[in-house]
């Protein structure tokens, strides 16, 4: 891999109970487990950060694919959901759902763009074969 950019972040405290911040200071947030996992929910958590990062990265890949194919995409959105679950054999696992909305585009064309974006998105490539990632195209 030819590295084009490196992001750096540091977690302090006790991981899910602490802070995380980037080396350039643009991100500095309190980390707290969600209420569903016994926490106060008064901060963010790794799953929210992962959902936000995956959604933004996938949206960028979608825009890249559209430009490459010379397709006009306006007012598109990508929503990310990260599911945190326990495995039967022990340990924990993540699963991701990405919901793509491209207004005023036929469903089949939007799905083809989303499928192409899933092939070039760095998050998709990093998770492929490791966790379940579902890409859904919605018309609303």
N, C-alpha and C. Protein backbone atom coordinates (compact mmCIF):
# COMPACT_ATOMS: atom_id res chain seq x y z
N UNK A 1 0.84 -1.18 0.00
CA UNK A 1 0.00 0.00 0.00
C UNK A 1 0.88 1.24 0.00
N UNK A 2 0.54 2.20 -0.81
CA UNK A 2 1.21 3.49 -0.85
C UNK A 2 0.42 4.46 0.05
N UNK A 3 0.94 4.74 1.24
CA UNK A 3 0.23 5.57 2.21
C UNK A 3 0.11 7.00 1.72
N UNK A 4 -1.13 7.51 1.70
CA UNK A 4 -1.40 8.88 1.28
C UNK A 4 -1.67 9.80 2.47
N UNK A 5 -2.11 9.23 3.57
CA UNK A 5 -2.47 10.02 4.76
C UNK A 5 -2.49 9.08 5.95
N UNK A 6 -2.10 9.58 7.10
CA UNK A 6 -2.16 8.82 8.34
C UNK A 6 -2.87 9.64 9.39
N UNK A 7 -3.91 9.09 9.96
CA UNK A 7 -4.63 9.73 11.06
C UNK A 7 -4.12 9.15 12.37
N UNK A 8 -4.01 9.99 13.38
CA UNK A 8 -3.56 9.53 14.70
C UNK A 8 -4.55 9.94 15.76
N UNK A 9 -4.88 9.00 16.63
CA UNK A 9 -5.77 9.28 17.75
C UNK A 9 -5.22 8.56 18.98
N UNK A 10 -5.54 9.12 20.14
CA UNK A 10 -5.09 8.54 21.41
C UNK A 10 -6.29 8.38 22.32
N UNK A 11 -6.41 7.22 22.93
CA UNK A 11 -7.45 6.95 23.91
C UNK A 11 -6.81 7.00 25.29
N UNK A 12 -7.45 7.74 26.21
CA UNK A 12 -6.96 7.82 27.59
C UNK A 12 -8.08 7.34 28.52
N UNK A 13 -7.75 7.15 29.76
CA UNK A 13 -8.74 6.65 30.72
C UNK A 13 -8.80 5.14 30.62
N UNK A 14 -10.02 4.62 30.50
CA UNK A 14 -10.20 3.17 30.46
C UNK A 14 -10.91 2.74 29.19
N UNK A 15 -10.55 3.31 28.06
CA UNK A 15 -11.15 2.92 26.79
C UNK A 15 -12.55 3.46 26.63
N UNK A 16 -13.53 2.66 26.96
CA UNK A 16 -14.93 3.09 26.84
C UNK A 16 -15.31 4.12 27.89
N UNK A 17 -14.50 4.30 28.91
CA UNK A 17 -14.69 5.32 29.95
C UNK A 17 -13.45 6.18 29.94
N UNK A 18 -13.44 7.22 29.15
CA UNK A 18 -12.27 8.08 29.06
C UNK A 18 -12.45 9.15 28.03
N UNK A 19 -11.38 9.46 27.33
CA UNK A 19 -11.41 10.45 26.26
C UNK A 19 -10.66 9.88 25.07
N UNK A 20 -10.99 10.39 23.91
CA UNK A 20 -10.24 10.08 22.71
C UNK A 20 -10.03 11.39 21.97
N UNK A 21 -8.81 11.57 21.49
CA UNK A 21 -8.54 12.80 20.75
C UNK A 21 -7.51 12.54 19.66
N UNK A 22 -7.57 13.38 18.62
CA UNK A 22 -6.64 13.25 17.51
C UNK A 22 -5.41 14.10 17.75
N UNK A 23 -4.33 13.73 17.09
CA UNK A 23 -3.05 14.43 17.29
C UNK A 23 -3.12 15.87 16.81
N UNK A 24 -4.01 16.18 15.87
CA UNK A 24 -4.11 17.56 15.39
C UNK A 24 -5.13 18.38 16.18
N UNK A 25 -5.79 17.77 17.16
CA UNK A 25 -6.72 18.48 18.02
C UNK A 25 -8.10 18.73 17.45
N UNK A 26 -8.40 18.22 16.26
CA UNK A 26 -9.72 18.49 15.67
C UNK A 26 -10.82 17.64 16.29
N UNK A 27 -10.47 16.56 16.95
CA UNK A 27 -11.44 15.71 17.62
C UNK A 27 -10.98 15.49 19.05
N UNK A 28 -11.87 15.75 20.00
CA UNK A 28 -11.58 15.53 21.42
C UNK A 28 -12.91 15.26 22.09
N UNK A 29 -13.22 14.01 22.36
CA UNK A 29 -14.53 13.65 22.88
C UNK A 29 -14.44 12.73 24.08
N UNK A 30 -15.45 12.87 24.95
CA UNK A 30 -15.60 11.96 26.09
C UNK A 30 -16.16 10.64 25.59
N UNK A 31 -15.63 9.57 26.11
CA UNK A 31 -16.10 8.23 25.75
C UNK A 31 -16.85 7.66 26.95
N UNK A 32 -18.06 7.17 26.67
CA UNK A 32 -18.91 6.58 27.71
C UNK A 32 -19.71 5.46 27.10
N UNK A 33 -19.81 4.33 27.77
CA UNK A 33 -20.66 3.28 27.23
C UNK A 33 -22.10 3.75 27.11
N UNK A 34 -22.82 3.25 26.10
CA UNK A 34 -24.24 3.62 25.96
C UNK A 34 -25.05 3.02 27.11
N UNK A 35 -26.21 3.58 27.33
CA UNK A 35 -27.10 3.09 28.39
C UNK A 35 -27.42 1.60 28.18
N UNK A 36 -27.54 1.19 26.91
CA UNK A 36 -27.88 -0.20 26.60
C UNK A 36 -26.81 -1.18 27.08
N UNK A 37 -25.59 -0.67 27.29
CA UNK A 37 -24.49 -1.52 27.77
C UNK A 37 -24.11 -1.18 29.20
N UNK A 38 -25.02 -0.50 29.92
CA UNK A 38 -24.79 -0.22 31.33
C UNK A 38 -24.10 1.09 31.64
N UNK A 39 -23.85 1.91 30.63
CA UNK A 39 -23.18 3.18 30.85
C UNK A 39 -24.17 4.32 31.03
N UNK A 40 -23.62 5.51 31.20
CA UNK A 40 -24.47 6.69 31.38
C UNK A 40 -24.99 7.23 30.05
N UNK A 41 -24.27 6.93 28.96
CA UNK A 41 -24.65 7.46 27.65
C UNK A 41 -24.34 8.94 27.50
N UNK A 42 -23.54 9.49 28.42
CA UNK A 42 -23.23 10.92 28.39
C UNK A 42 -21.98 11.25 27.58
N UNK A 43 -21.67 10.45 26.62
CA UNK A 43 -20.53 10.68 25.73
C UNK A 43 -20.75 9.84 24.50
N UNK A 44 -19.76 9.80 23.66
CA UNK A 44 -19.87 8.95 22.48
C UNK A 44 -19.25 7.60 22.79
N UNK A 45 -19.30 6.69 21.84
CA UNK A 45 -18.72 5.37 22.03
C UNK A 45 -18.08 4.92 20.72
N UNK A 46 -17.25 3.89 20.77
CA UNK A 46 -16.56 3.46 19.54
C UNK A 46 -17.49 3.10 18.40
N UNK A 47 -18.66 2.54 18.71
CA UNK A 47 -19.58 2.15 17.64
C UNK A 47 -20.15 3.38 16.93
N UNK A 48 -20.44 4.44 17.68
CA UNK A 48 -20.92 5.68 17.04
C UNK A 48 -19.84 6.28 16.16
N UNK A 49 -18.61 6.28 16.64
CA UNK A 49 -17.51 6.83 15.83
C UNK A 49 -17.30 6.00 14.57
N UNK A 50 -17.40 4.68 14.70
CA UNK A 50 -17.25 3.80 13.54
C UNK A 50 -18.38 4.01 12.55
N UNK A 51 -19.61 4.14 13.05
CA UNK A 51 -20.77 4.39 12.17
C UNK A 51 -20.59 5.70 11.41
N UNK A 52 -20.15 6.74 12.11
CA UNK A 52 -19.96 8.04 11.47
C UNK A 52 -18.85 7.98 10.43
N UNK A 53 -17.74 7.36 10.78
CA UNK A 53 -16.61 7.25 9.85
C UNK A 53 -16.95 6.43 8.62
N UNK A 54 -17.61 5.30 8.83
CA UNK A 54 -17.98 4.43 7.70
C UNK A 54 -18.96 5.16 6.79
N UNK A 55 -19.98 5.81 7.37
CA UNK A 55 -20.98 6.51 6.56
C UNK A 55 -20.33 7.61 5.72
N UNK A 56 -19.45 8.41 6.34
CA UNK A 56 -18.80 9.50 5.63
C UNK A 56 -17.88 8.98 4.53
N UNK A 57 -17.11 7.95 4.84
CA UNK A 57 -16.18 7.38 3.86
C UNK A 57 -16.95 6.76 2.69
N UNK A 58 -18.03 6.03 3.00
CA UNK A 58 -18.83 5.41 1.95
C UNK A 58 -19.49 6.47 1.08
N UNK A 59 -19.96 7.55 1.71
CA UNK A 59 -20.59 8.63 0.94
C UNK A 59 -19.58 9.24 -0.03
N UNK A 60 -18.35 9.41 0.42
CA UNK A 60 -17.30 9.93 -0.45
C UNK A 60 -17.03 8.97 -1.61
N UNK A 61 -17.01 7.68 -1.32
CA UNK A 61 -16.80 6.68 -2.38
C UNK A 61 -17.95 6.71 -3.37
N UNK A 62 -19.17 6.89 -2.88
CA UNK A 62 -20.34 6.98 -3.75
C UNK A 62 -20.21 8.17 -4.69
N UNK A 63 -19.79 9.31 -4.17
CA UNK A 63 -19.60 10.51 -4.99
C UNK A 63 -18.49 10.29 -6.03
N UNK A 64 -17.42 9.63 -5.63
CA UNK A 64 -16.32 9.33 -6.55
C UNK A 64 -16.79 8.45 -7.70
N UNK A 65 -17.53 7.40 -7.37
CA UNK A 65 -18.04 6.49 -8.40
C UNK A 65 -18.97 7.24 -9.35
N UNK A 66 -19.84 8.08 -8.80
CA UNK A 66 -20.76 8.85 -9.64
C UNK A 66 -19.99 9.77 -10.60
N UNK A 67 -18.97 10.47 -10.09
CA UNK A 67 -18.17 11.34 -10.96
C UNK A 67 -17.46 10.54 -12.04
N UNK A 68 -16.90 9.40 -11.66
CA UNK A 68 -16.20 8.55 -12.61
C UNK A 68 -17.13 8.07 -13.71
N UNK A 69 -18.37 7.77 -13.35
CA UNK A 69 -19.35 7.30 -14.33
C UNK A 69 -20.11 8.45 -14.99
N UNK A 70 -19.74 9.69 -14.63
CA UNK A 70 -20.39 10.89 -15.17
C UNK A 70 -21.90 10.90 -14.92
N UNK A 71 -22.25 10.51 -13.68
CA UNK A 71 -23.64 10.49 -13.23
C UNK A 71 -23.82 11.60 -12.22
N UNK A 72 -24.87 12.40 -12.40
CA UNK A 72 -25.12 13.50 -11.49
C UNK A 72 -25.87 12.97 -10.26
N UNK A 73 -25.26 13.19 -9.10
CA UNK A 73 -25.87 12.78 -7.83
C UNK A 73 -25.98 14.01 -6.96
N UNK A 74 -27.22 14.35 -6.58
CA UNK A 74 -27.45 15.51 -5.72
C UNK A 74 -28.26 15.11 -4.50
N UNK A 75 -27.95 15.74 -3.37
CA UNK A 75 -28.70 15.56 -2.12
C UNK A 75 -28.70 14.12 -1.62
N UNK A 76 -27.66 13.38 -1.92
CA UNK A 76 -27.58 12.00 -1.45
C UNK A 76 -27.20 11.99 0.03
N UNK A 77 -27.57 10.90 0.69
CA UNK A 77 -27.19 10.69 2.08
C UNK A 77 -26.79 9.24 2.26
N UNK A 78 -25.93 9.02 3.25
CA UNK A 78 -25.58 7.67 3.66
C UNK A 78 -25.68 7.62 5.17
N UNK A 79 -26.51 6.74 5.66
CA UNK A 79 -26.64 6.54 7.10
C UNK A 79 -25.91 5.28 7.50
N UNK A 80 -25.24 5.32 8.63
CA UNK A 80 -24.52 4.15 9.12
C UNK A 80 -25.10 3.65 10.43
N UNK A 81 -25.27 2.35 10.54
CA UNK A 81 -25.69 1.71 11.79
C UNK A 81 -24.66 0.64 12.10
N UNK A 82 -24.13 0.68 13.30
CA UNK A 82 -23.19 -0.34 13.74
C UNK A 82 -23.83 -1.11 14.89
N UNK A 83 -23.99 -2.40 14.68
CA UNK A 83 -24.57 -3.28 15.69
C UNK A 83 -23.45 -3.94 16.48
N UNK A 84 -23.59 -3.94 17.79
CA UNK A 84 -22.62 -4.55 18.70
C UNK A 84 -23.31 -5.75 19.34
N UNK A 85 -22.73 -6.93 19.18
CA UNK A 85 -23.38 -8.12 19.73
C UNK A 85 -22.38 -9.09 20.32
N UNK A 86 -22.93 -10.02 21.08
CA UNK A 86 -22.11 -11.05 21.72
C UNK A 86 -22.20 -12.33 20.91
N UNK A 87 -21.07 -12.95 20.71
CA UNK A 87 -21.02 -14.22 19.99
C UNK A 87 -21.37 -15.37 20.92
N UNK A 88 -22.00 -16.40 20.39
CA UNK A 88 -22.36 -17.57 21.21
C UNK A 88 -21.15 -18.23 21.84
N UNK A 89 -20.03 -18.25 21.11
CA UNK A 89 -18.82 -18.89 21.60
C UNK A 89 -18.02 -17.98 22.54
N UNK A 90 -18.52 -16.77 22.79
CA UNK A 90 -17.81 -15.81 23.62
C UNK A 90 -17.20 -14.72 22.76
N UNK A 91 -16.94 -13.61 23.35
CA UNK A 91 -16.40 -12.47 22.61
C UNK A 91 -17.53 -11.66 22.00
N UNK A 92 -17.14 -10.65 21.26
CA UNK A 92 -18.09 -9.71 20.71
C UNK A 92 -17.85 -9.52 19.22
N UNK A 93 -18.85 -9.02 18.52
CA UNK A 93 -18.78 -8.85 17.07
C UNK A 93 -19.55 -7.60 16.67
N UNK A 94 -19.14 -7.01 15.58
CA UNK A 94 -19.86 -5.88 15.00
C UNK A 94 -20.50 -6.31 13.69
N UNK A 95 -21.57 -5.63 13.33
CA UNK A 95 -22.19 -5.75 12.01
C UNK A 95 -22.59 -4.34 11.60
N UNK A 96 -22.56 -4.07 10.30
CA UNK A 96 -22.82 -2.73 9.80
C UNK A 96 -23.93 -2.74 8.77
N UNK A 97 -24.79 -1.73 8.84
CA UNK A 97 -25.78 -1.46 7.80
C UNK A 97 -25.52 -0.05 7.29
N UNK A 98 -25.46 0.09 6.00
CA UNK A 98 -25.36 1.40 5.37
C UNK A 98 -26.62 1.62 4.56
N UNK A 99 -27.28 2.75 4.80
CA UNK A 99 -28.49 3.07 4.06
C UNK A 99 -28.20 4.24 3.13
N UNK A 100 -28.30 4.01 1.85
CA UNK A 100 -28.01 5.00 0.82
C UNK A 100 -29.32 5.54 0.25
N UNK A 101 -29.41 6.86 0.19
CA UNK A 101 -30.57 7.51 -0.43
C UNK A 101 -30.05 8.47 -1.49
N UNK A 102 -30.50 8.28 -2.72
CA UNK A 102 -30.18 9.18 -3.82
C UNK A 102 -31.51 9.63 -4.42
N UNK A 103 -32.00 10.80 -4.01
CA UNK A 103 -33.30 11.26 -4.49
C UNK A 103 -33.33 11.38 -6.02
N UNK A 104 -34.50 11.14 -6.58
CA UNK A 104 -34.74 11.32 -8.01
C UNK A 104 -33.87 10.43 -8.89
N UNK A 105 -33.44 9.30 -8.37
CA UNK A 105 -32.67 8.35 -9.19
C UNK A 105 -33.40 7.01 -9.13
N UNK A 106 -33.56 6.34 -10.27
CA UNK A 106 -34.19 5.02 -10.25
C UNK A 106 -33.45 4.08 -9.28
N UNK A 107 -34.22 3.25 -8.59
CA UNK A 107 -33.67 2.37 -7.57
C UNK A 107 -32.52 1.50 -8.10
N UNK A 108 -32.71 0.93 -9.28
CA UNK A 108 -31.69 0.03 -9.85
C UNK A 108 -30.38 0.77 -10.11
N UNK A 109 -30.47 2.00 -10.60
CA UNK A 109 -29.27 2.79 -10.86
C UNK A 109 -28.59 3.18 -9.55
N UNK A 110 -29.37 3.56 -8.55
CA UNK A 110 -28.82 3.89 -7.24
C UNK A 110 -28.14 2.68 -6.62
N UNK A 111 -28.75 1.51 -6.76
CA UNK A 111 -28.15 0.28 -6.22
C UNK A 111 -26.84 -0.04 -6.92
N UNK A 112 -26.78 0.15 -8.22
CA UNK A 112 -25.54 -0.10 -8.97
C UNK A 112 -24.43 0.83 -8.50
N UNK A 113 -24.75 2.10 -8.27
CA UNK A 113 -23.74 3.04 -7.75
C UNK A 113 -23.29 2.63 -6.36
N UNK A 114 -24.24 2.26 -5.50
CA UNK A 114 -23.89 1.84 -4.14
C UNK A 114 -23.03 0.58 -4.16
N UNK A 115 -23.35 -0.37 -5.02
CA UNK A 115 -22.54 -1.59 -5.13
C UNK A 115 -21.13 -1.27 -5.60
N UNK A 116 -21.01 -0.34 -6.54
CA UNK A 116 -19.68 0.06 -7.02
C UNK A 116 -18.91 0.79 -5.93
N UNK A 117 -19.59 1.63 -5.16
CA UNK A 117 -18.94 2.34 -4.05
C UNK A 117 -18.44 1.35 -3.01
N UNK A 118 -19.18 0.28 -2.79
CA UNK A 118 -18.79 -0.74 -1.81
C UNK A 118 -17.50 -1.45 -2.21
N UNK A 119 -17.18 -1.42 -3.50
CA UNK A 119 -15.94 -2.05 -3.97
C UNK A 119 -14.72 -1.15 -3.80
N UNK A 120 -14.93 0.18 -3.70
CA UNK A 120 -13.78 1.09 -3.62
C UNK A 120 -13.63 1.77 -2.25
N UNK A 121 -14.67 1.75 -1.42
CA UNK A 121 -14.61 2.41 -0.12
C UNK A 121 -13.56 1.74 0.77
N UNK A 122 -12.63 2.51 1.33
CA UNK A 122 -11.61 1.92 2.21
C UNK A 122 -12.19 1.17 3.41
N UNK A 123 -13.27 1.68 4.00
CA UNK A 123 -13.89 0.96 5.13
C UNK A 123 -14.48 -0.36 4.65
N UNK A 124 -15.11 -0.36 3.49
CA UNK A 124 -15.65 -1.61 2.94
C UNK A 124 -14.54 -2.61 2.70
N UNK A 125 -13.44 -2.14 2.13
CA UNK A 125 -12.31 -3.03 1.87
C UNK A 125 -11.69 -3.55 3.16
N UNK A 126 -11.64 -2.72 4.20
CA UNK A 126 -11.06 -3.14 5.48
C UNK A 126 -11.93 -4.16 6.20
N UNK A 127 -13.24 -4.08 6.01
CA UNK A 127 -14.15 -4.98 6.74
C UNK A 127 -14.57 -6.20 5.94
N UNK A 128 -14.34 -6.18 4.64
CA UNK A 128 -14.80 -7.28 3.78
C UNK A 128 -14.24 -8.61 4.27
N UNK A 129 -15.13 -9.57 4.50
CA UNK A 129 -14.72 -10.89 4.95
C UNK A 129 -14.52 -10.98 6.46
N UNK A 130 -14.60 -9.84 7.15
CA UNK A 130 -14.40 -9.84 8.60
C UNK A 130 -15.69 -9.66 9.37
N UNK A 131 -16.55 -8.77 8.90
CA UNK A 131 -17.84 -8.54 9.54
C UNK A 131 -18.90 -8.42 8.46
N UNK A 132 -20.14 -8.62 8.87
CA UNK A 132 -21.25 -8.47 7.92
C UNK A 132 -21.50 -6.98 7.66
N UNK A 133 -21.50 -6.61 6.39
CA UNK A 133 -21.83 -5.25 5.98
C UNK A 133 -22.94 -5.34 4.95
N UNK A 134 -24.06 -4.69 5.26
CA UNK A 134 -25.21 -4.69 4.37
C UNK A 134 -25.38 -3.28 3.81
N UNK A 135 -25.47 -3.17 2.50
CA UNK A 135 -25.71 -1.88 1.84
C UNK A 135 -27.12 -1.90 1.30
N UNK A 136 -27.94 -0.99 1.85
CA UNK A 136 -29.35 -0.90 1.46
C UNK A 136 -29.57 0.41 0.73
N UNK A 137 -30.29 0.38 -0.36
CA UNK A 137 -30.68 1.61 -1.05
C UNK A 137 -32.16 1.82 -0.75
N UNK A 138 -32.46 2.97 -0.18
CA UNK A 138 -33.84 3.34 0.14
C UNK A 138 -34.30 4.43 -0.79
N UNK A 139 -35.59 4.47 -1.02
CA UNK A 139 -36.14 5.47 -1.92
C UNK A 139 -36.70 6.67 -1.17
N UNK A 140 -36.67 6.64 0.16
CA UNK A 140 -37.23 7.78 0.92
C UNK A 140 -36.18 8.71 1.47
